[in-house]
């Protein structure tokens, strides 16, 4: 079966457990720091210009956004983490929401951990990797914004990222640029493989 990723629809913004998918369809989870380019990456993967809203202000994804792809699978956009200007209460709400999602969603088949290739992975990124591993979710690390660096800088940054996750167990590292569409096929192949389509 061929999954047409451009055949996508926004389902809802989940703010509580009852909003989570419960129809047994597989779920692909995307997580990353605020302002890491998650929305642009989603739009690139889906071949859509504005399926996910791109905000100039970090921390705007306050709930768990659900996209249904080709009536077959969900792409799940978690709230961005690590943004200092978000209140402590809001960060705690996000934490509870994400915890409930991981605890009660048994249909997650792949996690995508998005980092900014221009910077070393943060403590929050390492914590997110640990969360995937705690729930036994296979995951890939996608190093976004590759168009911002030259070839030498890319090589050095990729090495830094791999070193940062040396105590973790991602399936692979993929260099990505939504602008140049670098890494798009590699990420889609990882998704299809997780779905048993690869």
N, C-alpha and C. Protein backbone atom coordinates (compact mmCIF):
# COMPACT_ATOMS: atom_id res chain seq x y z
N UNK A 1 0.83 -1.20 0.00
CA UNK A 1 0.00 0.00 0.00
C UNK A 1 0.87 1.25 0.00
N UNK A 2 0.53 2.19 -0.87
CA UNK A 2 1.27 3.45 -0.93
C UNK A 2 0.52 4.51 -0.12
N UNK A 3 1.20 5.15 0.81
CA UNK A 3 0.59 6.20 1.62
C UNK A 3 0.87 7.54 0.96
N UNK A 4 -0.17 8.26 0.63
CA UNK A 4 -0.03 9.58 0.01
C UNK A 4 0.04 10.63 1.11
N UNK A 5 1.25 11.08 1.39
CA UNK A 5 1.43 11.99 2.53
C UNK A 5 0.77 13.35 2.29
N UNK A 6 0.59 13.74 1.01
CA UNK A 6 -0.05 15.02 0.75
C UNK A 6 -1.55 14.99 1.04
N UNK A 7 -2.10 13.79 1.18
CA UNK A 7 -3.51 13.63 1.53
C UNK A 7 -3.64 13.69 3.05
N UNK A 8 -3.54 14.91 3.57
CA UNK A 8 -3.48 15.10 5.02
C UNK A 8 -4.55 16.07 5.48
N UNK A 9 -5.03 15.85 6.68
CA UNK A 9 -6.02 16.78 7.25
C UNK A 9 -5.74 16.98 8.74
N UNK A 10 -5.92 18.21 9.18
CA UNK A 10 -5.80 18.51 10.60
C UNK A 10 -7.05 18.02 11.29
N UNK A 11 -6.87 17.19 12.32
CA UNK A 11 -8.02 16.61 13.02
C UNK A 11 -8.44 17.46 14.20
N UNK A 12 -7.52 17.68 15.12
CA UNK A 12 -7.84 18.51 16.29
C UNK A 12 -6.58 18.80 17.08
N UNK A 13 -6.72 19.73 17.99
CA UNK A 13 -5.67 20.06 18.93
C UNK A 13 -6.06 19.45 20.27
N UNK A 14 -5.36 18.40 20.67
CA UNK A 14 -5.75 17.64 21.86
C UNK A 14 -5.26 18.32 23.12
N UNK A 15 -6.19 18.60 24.03
CA UNK A 15 -5.86 19.26 25.29
C UNK A 15 -6.08 18.35 26.49
N UNK A 16 -6.65 17.16 26.24
CA UNK A 16 -6.92 16.21 27.33
C UNK A 16 -6.94 14.80 26.78
N UNK A 17 -6.91 13.85 27.68
CA UNK A 17 -6.78 12.44 27.30
C UNK A 17 -7.87 11.99 26.33
N UNK A 18 -9.10 12.44 26.53
CA UNK A 18 -10.21 12.00 25.68
C UNK A 18 -10.07 12.49 24.24
N UNK A 19 -9.16 13.45 24.00
CA UNK A 19 -8.94 13.95 22.65
C UNK A 19 -7.97 13.09 21.85
N UNK A 20 -7.24 12.18 22.53
CA UNK A 20 -6.23 11.39 21.84
C UNK A 20 -6.88 10.38 20.90
N UNK A 21 -6.19 10.01 19.82
CA UNK A 21 -6.74 9.00 18.89
C UNK A 21 -6.97 7.68 19.61
N UNK A 22 -8.07 7.01 19.27
CA UNK A 22 -8.38 5.73 19.90
C UNK A 22 -8.90 4.72 18.88
N UNK A 23 -8.56 4.96 17.60
CA UNK A 23 -9.09 4.10 16.54
C UNK A 23 -8.10 3.03 16.08
N UNK A 24 -6.94 2.95 16.76
CA UNK A 24 -5.98 1.91 16.43
C UNK A 24 -5.05 2.22 15.28
N UNK A 25 -5.19 3.39 14.66
CA UNK A 25 -4.29 3.73 13.58
C UNK A 25 -2.90 4.05 14.15
N UNK A 26 -1.82 3.69 13.43
CA UNK A 26 -0.48 3.96 13.92
C UNK A 26 -0.20 5.45 14.02
N UNK A 27 0.66 5.80 14.97
CA UNK A 27 0.97 7.21 15.22
C UNK A 27 2.47 7.45 15.11
N UNK A 28 2.83 8.52 14.42
CA UNK A 28 4.21 8.99 14.31
C UNK A 28 4.29 10.26 15.13
N UNK A 29 5.18 10.29 16.12
CA UNK A 29 5.25 11.40 17.06
C UNK A 29 6.45 12.30 16.75
N UNK A 30 6.21 13.61 16.71
CA UNK A 30 7.28 14.57 16.46
C UNK A 30 7.47 15.45 17.68
N UNK A 31 8.72 15.54 18.15
CA UNK A 31 9.02 16.34 19.33
C UNK A 31 10.29 17.16 19.09
N UNK A 32 10.35 18.32 19.70
CA UNK A 32 11.54 19.16 19.58
C UNK A 32 11.36 20.44 20.37
N UNK A 33 12.46 21.14 20.55
CA UNK A 33 12.40 22.42 21.24
C UNK A 33 11.55 23.42 20.47
N UNK A 34 11.03 24.40 21.19
CA UNK A 34 10.32 25.50 20.55
C UNK A 34 11.27 26.18 19.55
N UNK A 35 10.74 26.55 18.42
CA UNK A 35 11.49 27.27 17.40
C UNK A 35 12.54 26.41 16.70
N UNK A 36 12.35 25.09 16.75
CA UNK A 36 13.29 24.19 16.09
C UNK A 36 12.91 23.95 14.62
N UNK A 37 11.74 24.47 14.22
CA UNK A 37 11.30 24.33 12.84
C UNK A 37 10.39 23.14 12.60
N UNK A 38 9.69 22.73 13.66
CA UNK A 38 8.82 21.55 13.56
C UNK A 38 7.70 21.73 12.54
N UNK A 39 7.04 22.89 12.58
CA UNK A 39 5.92 23.13 11.66
C UNK A 39 6.39 23.15 10.20
N UNK A 40 7.52 23.80 9.94
CA UNK A 40 8.05 23.83 8.58
C UNK A 40 8.41 22.42 8.10
N UNK A 41 8.92 21.61 9.01
CA UNK A 41 9.27 20.23 8.67
C UNK A 41 8.02 19.43 8.34
N UNK A 42 6.96 19.60 9.13
CA UNK A 42 5.70 18.90 8.86
C UNK A 42 5.17 19.28 7.49
N UNK A 43 5.16 20.58 7.20
CA UNK A 43 4.68 21.05 5.90
C UNK A 43 5.51 20.47 4.75
N UNK A 44 6.81 20.38 4.95
CA UNK A 44 7.69 19.81 3.94
C UNK A 44 7.38 18.33 3.73
N UNK A 45 7.25 17.59 4.81
CA UNK A 45 6.97 16.15 4.69
C UNK A 45 5.64 15.89 3.99
N UNK A 46 4.67 16.75 4.24
CA UNK A 46 3.33 16.55 3.69
C UNK A 46 3.12 17.23 2.35
N UNK A 47 4.15 17.92 1.85
CA UNK A 47 4.04 18.65 0.58
C UNK A 47 2.91 19.68 0.63
N UNK A 48 2.77 20.31 1.77
CA UNK A 48 1.73 21.33 1.94
C UNK A 48 2.38 22.60 2.46
N UNK A 49 1.86 23.74 2.07
CA UNK A 49 2.48 25.01 2.46
C UNK A 49 2.08 25.46 3.86
N UNK A 50 0.88 25.15 4.27
CA UNK A 50 0.43 25.70 5.55
C UNK A 50 -0.43 24.72 6.34
N UNK A 51 -0.15 23.43 6.21
CA UNK A 51 -0.90 22.44 7.01
C UNK A 51 -0.65 22.68 8.49
N UNK A 52 0.63 22.81 8.84
CA UNK A 52 1.00 23.18 10.22
C UNK A 52 1.33 24.65 10.23
N UNK A 53 0.79 25.38 11.18
CA UNK A 53 1.01 26.83 11.23
C UNK A 53 2.41 27.14 11.74
N UNK A 54 3.11 27.95 10.97
CA UNK A 54 4.46 28.36 11.34
C UNK A 54 4.36 29.69 12.07
N UNK A 55 4.83 29.73 13.31
CA UNK A 55 4.74 30.93 14.12
C UNK A 55 6.12 31.55 14.30
N UNK A 56 6.16 32.88 14.32
CA UNK A 56 7.41 33.57 14.58
C UNK A 56 7.71 33.61 16.08
N UNK A 57 6.70 33.24 16.89
CA UNK A 57 6.87 33.23 18.34
C UNK A 57 6.95 31.80 18.85
N UNK A 58 8.08 31.41 19.45
CA UNK A 58 8.19 30.06 20.01
C UNK A 58 7.16 29.84 21.11
N UNK A 59 6.84 28.56 21.33
CA UNK A 59 5.95 28.21 22.44
C UNK A 59 4.48 28.34 22.12
N UNK A 60 4.13 28.49 20.83
CA UNK A 60 2.74 28.68 20.46
C UNK A 60 1.96 27.38 20.34
N UNK A 61 2.64 26.26 20.15
CA UNK A 61 1.94 24.97 20.09
C UNK A 61 1.70 24.51 21.52
N UNK A 62 0.51 24.83 22.02
CA UNK A 62 0.23 24.61 23.44
C UNK A 62 -0.41 23.25 23.71
N UNK A 63 -0.95 22.62 22.67
CA UNK A 63 -1.58 21.32 22.83
C UNK A 63 -0.93 20.32 21.89
N UNK A 64 -1.48 19.12 21.80
CA UNK A 64 -0.95 18.09 20.92
C UNK A 64 -1.77 18.13 19.63
N UNK A 65 -1.14 18.52 18.54
CA UNK A 65 -1.83 18.65 17.27
C UNK A 65 -1.81 17.34 16.51
N UNK A 66 -2.98 16.93 16.02
CA UNK A 66 -3.15 15.64 15.35
C UNK A 66 -3.48 15.84 13.88
N UNK A 67 -2.70 15.20 13.02
CA UNK A 67 -2.94 15.23 11.58
C UNK A 67 -3.18 13.79 11.11
N UNK A 68 -4.25 13.59 10.35
CA UNK A 68 -4.55 12.27 9.79
C UNK A 68 -4.00 12.23 8.37
N UNK A 69 -3.15 11.25 8.11
CA UNK A 69 -2.49 11.14 6.81
C UNK A 69 -3.09 10.00 6.01
N UNK A 70 -3.70 10.35 4.88
CA UNK A 70 -4.25 9.38 3.93
C UNK A 70 -5.20 8.38 4.61
N UNK A 71 -5.92 8.85 5.63
CA UNK A 71 -6.88 8.02 6.37
C UNK A 71 -6.22 6.78 6.99
N UNK A 72 -4.88 6.80 7.07
CA UNK A 72 -4.14 5.58 7.43
C UNK A 72 -3.36 5.70 8.73
N UNK A 73 -2.79 6.88 9.00
CA UNK A 73 -1.91 7.07 10.16
C UNK A 73 -2.02 8.49 10.67
N UNK A 74 -1.57 8.68 11.90
CA UNK A 74 -1.55 10.01 12.49
C UNK A 74 -0.13 10.54 12.56
N UNK A 75 0.03 11.81 12.25
CA UNK A 75 1.25 12.53 12.57
C UNK A 75 0.91 13.39 13.78
N UNK A 76 1.65 13.19 14.85
CA UNK A 76 1.33 13.82 16.13
C UNK A 76 2.41 14.85 16.47
N UNK A 77 1.99 16.10 16.56
CA UNK A 77 2.91 17.22 16.83
C UNK A 77 2.79 17.61 18.30
N UNK A 78 3.84 17.26 19.07
CA UNK A 78 3.83 17.57 20.50
C UNK A 78 4.19 19.04 20.73
N UNK A 79 3.79 19.61 21.87
CA UNK A 79 4.18 20.99 22.19
C UNK A 79 5.70 21.12 22.24
N UNK A 80 6.21 22.23 21.72
CA UNK A 80 7.65 22.48 21.79
C UNK A 80 8.08 22.69 23.23
N UNK A 81 9.25 22.21 23.57
CA UNK A 81 9.72 22.32 24.95
C UNK A 81 10.90 23.28 25.05
N UNK A 82 11.19 23.71 26.26
CA UNK A 82 12.41 24.47 26.52
C UNK A 82 12.33 25.96 26.30
N UNK A 83 11.12 26.50 26.12
CA UNK A 83 11.03 27.94 25.88
C UNK A 83 10.82 28.69 27.19
N UNK A 84 11.77 29.54 27.53
CA UNK A 84 11.83 30.16 28.86
C UNK A 84 10.65 31.08 29.16
N UNK A 85 10.09 31.75 28.14
CA UNK A 85 9.05 32.75 28.39
C UNK A 85 7.68 32.14 28.68
N UNK A 86 7.56 30.82 28.50
CA UNK A 86 6.30 30.17 28.86
C UNK A 86 6.25 30.02 30.38
N UNK A 87 5.10 30.29 30.97
CA UNK A 87 4.98 30.25 32.43
C UNK A 87 5.23 28.85 32.97
N UNK A 88 5.61 28.80 34.23
CA UNK A 88 5.85 27.51 34.89
C UNK A 88 4.59 26.65 34.88
N UNK A 89 3.45 27.28 35.12
CA UNK A 89 2.18 26.54 35.11
C UNK A 89 1.91 25.92 33.75
N UNK A 90 2.21 26.67 32.70
CA UNK A 90 1.97 26.17 31.34
C UNK A 90 2.93 25.03 31.02
N UNK A 91 4.18 25.17 31.45
CA UNK A 91 5.15 24.08 31.22
C UNK A 91 4.71 22.82 31.95
N UNK A 92 4.20 22.99 33.15
CA UNK A 92 3.73 21.84 33.92
C UNK A 92 2.51 21.20 33.24
N UNK A 93 1.63 22.03 32.69
CA UNK A 93 0.45 21.50 31.98
C UNK A 93 0.90 20.69 30.78
N UNK A 94 1.87 21.24 30.02
CA UNK A 94 2.41 20.51 28.87
C UNK A 94 2.97 19.17 29.30
N UNK A 95 3.73 19.19 30.42
CA UNK A 95 4.36 17.96 30.90
C UNK A 95 3.33 16.89 31.24
N UNK A 96 2.26 17.31 31.92
CA UNK A 96 1.20 16.38 32.29
C UNK A 96 0.51 15.84 31.03
N UNK A 97 0.23 16.73 30.08
CA UNK A 97 -0.44 16.34 28.84
C UNK A 97 0.40 15.33 28.07
N UNK A 98 1.70 15.61 27.93
CA UNK A 98 2.57 14.71 27.20
C UNK A 98 2.71 13.37 27.92
N UNK A 99 2.78 13.41 29.26
CA UNK A 99 2.86 12.18 30.03
C UNK A 99 1.64 11.31 29.83
N UNK A 100 0.46 11.93 29.85
CA UNK A 100 -0.78 11.19 29.63
C UNK A 100 -0.82 10.61 28.22
N UNK A 101 -0.32 11.39 27.26
CA UNK A 101 -0.31 10.89 25.88
C UNK A 101 0.55 9.64 25.77
N UNK A 102 1.77 9.69 26.28
CA UNK A 102 2.66 8.54 26.17
C UNK A 102 2.14 7.34 26.97
N UNK A 103 1.51 7.61 28.10
CA UNK A 103 1.01 6.53 28.94
C UNK A 103 -0.17 5.80 28.31
N UNK A 104 -0.99 6.54 27.56
CA UNK A 104 -2.26 5.99 27.11
C UNK A 104 -2.38 5.84 25.59
N UNK A 105 -1.29 6.06 24.86
CA UNK A 105 -1.32 5.86 23.41
C UNK A 105 -0.45 4.66 23.08
N UNK A 106 -1.10 3.55 22.85
CA UNK A 106 -0.35 2.32 22.57
C UNK A 106 -0.06 2.09 21.11
N UNK A 107 -0.37 3.07 20.26
CA UNK A 107 -0.23 2.87 18.82
C UNK A 107 0.91 3.70 18.22
N UNK A 108 1.83 4.17 19.06
CA UNK A 108 2.99 4.93 18.57
C UNK A 108 4.00 3.96 17.98
N UNK A 109 4.32 4.14 16.71
CA UNK A 109 5.27 3.21 16.09
C UNK A 109 6.62 3.86 15.78
N UNK A 110 6.70 5.20 15.86
CA UNK A 110 7.98 5.87 15.63
C UNK A 110 7.96 7.25 16.27
N UNK A 111 9.07 7.60 16.90
CA UNK A 111 9.27 8.95 17.41
C UNK A 111 10.28 9.68 16.54
N UNK A 112 10.05 10.95 16.33
CA UNK A 112 11.00 11.80 15.61
C UNK A 112 11.44 12.90 16.57
N UNK A 113 12.72 12.94 16.85
CA UNK A 113 13.28 13.96 17.75
C UNK A 113 14.02 14.97 16.89
N UNK A 114 13.52 16.20 16.86
CA UNK A 114 14.06 17.23 15.99
C UNK A 114 14.99 18.14 16.78
N UNK A 115 16.21 18.32 16.30
CA UNK A 115 17.16 19.23 16.91
C UNK A 115 17.55 20.30 15.90
N UNK A 116 18.15 21.36 16.39
CA UNK A 116 18.67 22.44 15.54
C UNK A 116 20.14 22.15 15.30
N UNK A 117 20.49 21.83 14.06
CA UNK A 117 21.85 21.40 13.75
C UNK A 117 22.88 22.49 14.01
N UNK A 118 22.45 23.73 14.15
CA UNK A 118 23.40 24.82 14.40
C UNK A 118 23.90 24.83 15.83
N UNK A 119 23.22 24.09 16.70
CA UNK A 119 23.58 24.08 18.12
C UNK A 119 23.69 22.64 18.62
N UNK A 120 24.51 22.44 19.62
CA UNK A 120 24.60 21.12 20.25
C UNK A 120 23.26 20.76 20.86
N UNK A 121 22.86 19.50 20.81
CA UNK A 121 21.62 19.08 21.48
C UNK A 121 21.62 19.50 22.94
N UNK A 122 20.46 19.94 23.40
CA UNK A 122 20.33 20.44 24.77
C UNK A 122 20.00 19.32 25.75
N UNK A 123 20.03 19.67 27.02
CA UNK A 123 19.63 18.71 28.05
C UNK A 123 18.19 18.26 27.84
N UNK A 124 17.34 19.19 27.38
CA UNK A 124 15.94 18.84 27.10
C UNK A 124 15.84 17.84 25.96
N UNK A 125 16.70 17.98 24.94
CA UNK A 125 16.71 17.02 23.84
C UNK A 125 17.09 15.62 24.33
N UNK A 126 18.11 15.57 25.18
CA UNK A 126 18.55 14.28 25.73
C UNK A 126 17.44 13.67 26.59
N UNK A 127 16.74 14.53 27.34
CA UNK A 127 15.62 14.06 28.17
C UNK A 127 14.52 13.48 27.29
N UNK A 128 14.25 14.15 26.16
CA UNK A 128 13.22 13.66 25.24
C UNK A 128 13.61 12.31 24.67
N UNK A 129 14.87 12.14 24.33
CA UNK A 129 15.35 10.84 23.85
C UNK A 129 15.11 9.77 24.91
N UNK A 130 15.40 10.12 26.16
CA UNK A 130 15.18 9.20 27.26
C UNK A 130 13.71 8.85 27.44
N UNK A 131 12.83 9.82 27.15
CA UNK A 131 11.40 9.57 27.26
C UNK A 131 10.95 8.56 26.21
N UNK A 132 11.42 8.74 24.98
CA UNK A 132 11.11 7.74 23.94
C UNK A 132 11.58 6.36 24.38
N UNK A 133 12.78 6.30 24.91
CA UNK A 133 13.34 5.01 25.29
C UNK A 133 12.59 4.40 26.48
N UNK A 134 12.18 5.25 27.42
CA UNK A 134 11.42 4.77 28.58
C UNK A 134 10.14 4.07 28.13
N UNK A 135 9.49 4.62 27.11
CA UNK A 135 8.24 4.04 26.62
C UNK A 135 8.47 3.05 25.48
N UNK A 136 9.75 2.70 25.26
CA UNK A 136 10.12 1.70 24.25
C UNK A 136 9.62 2.08 22.85
N UNK A 137 9.76 3.37 22.54
CA UNK A 137 9.37 3.87 21.22
C UNK A 137 10.63 4.02 20.37
N UNK A 138 10.75 3.31 19.25
CA UNK A 138 11.90 3.52 18.37
C UNK A 138 11.85 4.95 17.83
N UNK A 139 13.01 5.58 17.68
CA UNK A 139 12.99 6.98 17.25
C UNK A 139 14.23 7.31 16.42
N UNK A 140 14.08 8.37 15.64
CA UNK A 140 15.19 8.89 14.85
C UNK A 140 15.47 10.33 15.31
N UNK A 141 16.71 10.76 15.15
CA UNK A 141 17.08 12.15 15.43
C UNK A 141 17.19 12.87 14.09
N UNK A 142 16.41 13.92 13.93
CA UNK A 142 16.44 14.72 12.69
C UNK A 142 17.07 16.07 13.01
N UNK A 143 18.21 16.32 12.41
CA UNK A 143 18.96 17.56 12.66
C UNK A 143 18.52 18.61 11.63
N UNK A 144 17.66 19.50 12.07
CA UNK A 144 16.99 20.46 11.18
C UNK A 144 17.83 21.72 10.93
N UNK A 145 17.40 22.49 9.92
CA UNK A 145 17.99 23.77 9.54
C UNK A 145 19.39 23.61 8.95
N UNK A 146 19.59 22.51 8.22
CA UNK A 146 20.89 22.23 7.62
C UNK A 146 21.30 23.28 6.58
N UNK A 147 20.33 23.99 6.02
CA UNK A 147 20.64 25.02 5.01
C UNK A 147 21.37 26.21 5.61
N UNK A 148 21.40 26.30 6.94
CA UNK A 148 22.04 27.43 7.61
C UNK A 148 23.56 27.26 7.75
N UNK A 149 24.08 26.07 7.43
CA UNK A 149 25.50 25.78 7.64
C UNK A 149 26.17 25.37 6.33
N UNK A 150 27.49 25.61 6.25
CA UNK A 150 28.23 25.11 5.10
C UNK A 150 28.64 23.67 5.34
N UNK A 151 29.28 23.07 4.34
CA UNK A 151 29.60 21.64 4.40
C UNK A 151 30.49 21.29 5.59
N UNK A 152 31.50 22.12 5.85
CA UNK A 152 32.41 21.86 6.97
C UNK A 152 31.69 21.97 8.30
N UNK A 153 30.85 23.00 8.44
CA UNK A 153 30.09 23.19 9.67
C UNK A 153 29.10 22.05 9.89
N UNK A 154 28.48 21.59 8.79
CA UNK A 154 27.54 20.48 8.89
C UNK A 154 28.21 19.23 9.45
N UNK A 155 29.37 18.92 8.90
CA UNK A 155 30.09 17.73 9.32
C UNK A 155 30.43 17.79 10.82
N UNK A 156 30.88 18.95 11.26
CA UNK A 156 31.23 19.13 12.67
C UNK A 156 30.00 19.03 13.56
N UNK A 157 28.89 19.64 13.12
CA UNK A 157 27.66 19.63 13.91
C UNK A 157 27.06 18.23 14.00
N UNK A 158 27.14 17.47 12.90
CA UNK A 158 26.64 16.10 12.91
C UNK A 158 27.44 15.25 13.91
N UNK A 159 28.75 15.47 13.93
CA UNK A 159 29.60 14.73 14.87
C UNK A 159 29.24 15.08 16.31
N UNK A 160 28.98 16.38 16.56
CA UNK A 160 28.59 16.83 17.91
C UNK A 160 27.29 16.18 18.34
N UNK A 161 26.33 16.13 17.42
CA UNK A 161 25.03 15.53 17.75
C UNK A 161 25.17 14.05 18.10
N UNK A 162 25.93 13.33 17.30
CA UNK A 162 26.12 11.91 17.56
C UNK A 162 26.79 11.68 18.91
N UNK A 163 27.74 12.53 19.23
CA UNK A 163 28.44 12.41 20.51
C UNK A 163 27.48 12.71 21.65
N UNK A 164 26.60 13.68 21.47
CA UNK A 164 25.66 14.06 22.53
C UNK A 164 24.70 12.93 22.88
N UNK A 165 24.36 12.12 21.86
CA UNK A 165 23.41 11.03 22.07
C UNK A 165 24.11 9.67 22.21
N UNK A 166 25.38 9.71 22.57
CA UNK A 166 26.15 8.45 22.62
C UNK A 166 25.61 7.48 23.66
N UNK A 167 24.93 7.98 24.67
CA UNK A 167 24.35 7.10 25.70
C UNK A 167 22.90 6.75 25.42
N UNK A 168 22.42 7.16 24.25
CA UNK A 168 21.04 6.87 23.84
C UNK A 168 21.07 5.93 22.64
N UNK A 169 19.89 5.56 22.17
CA UNK A 169 19.83 4.55 21.11
C UNK A 169 18.89 4.93 19.97
N UNK A 170 19.12 6.08 19.31
CA UNK A 170 18.28 6.40 18.15
C UNK A 170 18.56 5.42 17.00
N UNK A 171 17.54 5.20 16.17
CA UNK A 171 17.72 4.31 15.03
C UNK A 171 18.69 4.90 14.01
N UNK A 172 18.61 6.23 13.84
CA UNK A 172 19.46 6.88 12.85
C UNK A 172 19.49 8.39 13.09
N UNK A 173 20.44 9.05 12.43
CA UNK A 173 20.54 10.51 12.43
C UNK A 173 20.32 10.98 10.99
N UNK A 174 19.44 11.96 10.81
CA UNK A 174 19.14 12.46 9.47
C UNK A 174 19.31 13.97 9.45
N UNK A 175 20.11 14.45 8.50
CA UNK A 175 20.27 15.89 8.30
C UNK A 175 19.11 16.39 7.44
N UNK A 176 18.49 17.51 7.87
CA UNK A 176 17.23 17.93 7.23
C UNK A 176 17.21 19.44 6.98
N UNK A 177 16.58 19.81 5.89
CA UNK A 177 16.29 21.22 5.60
C UNK A 177 14.95 21.31 4.91
N UNK A 178 13.97 21.96 5.56
CA UNK A 178 12.67 22.14 4.94
C UNK A 178 12.78 23.04 3.72
N UNK A 179 13.68 24.01 3.78
CA UNK A 179 13.86 24.95 2.67
C UNK A 179 14.37 24.24 1.42
N UNK A 180 15.39 23.42 1.59
CA UNK A 180 15.99 22.73 0.44
C UNK A 180 15.46 21.30 0.27
N UNK A 181 14.59 20.89 1.19
CA UNK A 181 13.99 19.55 1.17
C UNK A 181 15.03 18.44 1.33
N UNK A 182 16.16 18.81 1.89
CA UNK A 182 17.20 17.84 2.20
C UNK A 182 16.73 16.90 3.31
N UNK A 183 16.89 15.61 3.11
CA UNK A 183 16.53 14.65 4.14
C UNK A 183 15.07 14.23 4.14
N UNK A 184 14.25 14.85 3.28
CA UNK A 184 12.81 14.54 3.27
C UNK A 184 12.57 13.06 2.97
N UNK A 185 13.21 12.57 1.92
CA UNK A 185 12.99 11.17 1.55
C UNK A 185 13.46 10.21 2.64
N UNK A 186 14.57 10.57 3.31
CA UNK A 186 15.09 9.71 4.37
C UNK A 186 14.13 9.63 5.55
N UNK A 187 13.53 10.77 5.91
CA UNK A 187 12.56 10.76 7.01
C UNK A 187 11.31 9.96 6.62
N UNK A 188 10.82 10.18 5.40
CA UNK A 188 9.64 9.43 4.94
C UNK A 188 9.93 7.93 4.90
N UNK A 189 11.13 7.57 4.46
CA UNK A 189 11.49 6.15 4.42
C UNK A 189 11.49 5.55 5.82
N UNK A 190 11.96 6.32 6.81
CA UNK A 190 11.96 5.85 8.20
C UNK A 190 10.52 5.66 8.69
N UNK A 191 9.65 6.58 8.31
CA UNK A 191 8.22 6.49 8.70
C UNK A 191 7.59 5.25 8.06
N UNK A 192 7.83 5.07 6.75
CA UNK A 192 7.23 3.93 6.05
C UNK A 192 7.76 2.61 6.60
N UNK A 193 9.04 2.58 6.94
CA UNK A 193 9.61 1.37 7.51
C UNK A 193 8.95 1.04 8.85
N UNK A 194 8.72 2.08 9.66
CA UNK A 194 8.05 1.86 10.96
C UNK A 194 6.63 1.36 10.80
N UNK A 195 6.01 1.76 9.69
CA UNK A 195 4.64 1.34 9.41
C UNK A 195 4.60 -0.04 8.76
N UNK A 196 5.79 -0.56 8.45
CA UNK A 196 5.85 -1.84 7.76
C UNK A 196 5.66 -1.73 6.28
N UNK A 197 5.84 -0.48 5.76
CA UNK A 197 5.63 -0.25 4.32
C UNK A 197 6.95 -0.20 3.57
N UNK A 198 8.09 -0.15 4.34
CA UNK A 198 9.38 0.01 3.69
C UNK A 198 10.01 -1.31 3.29
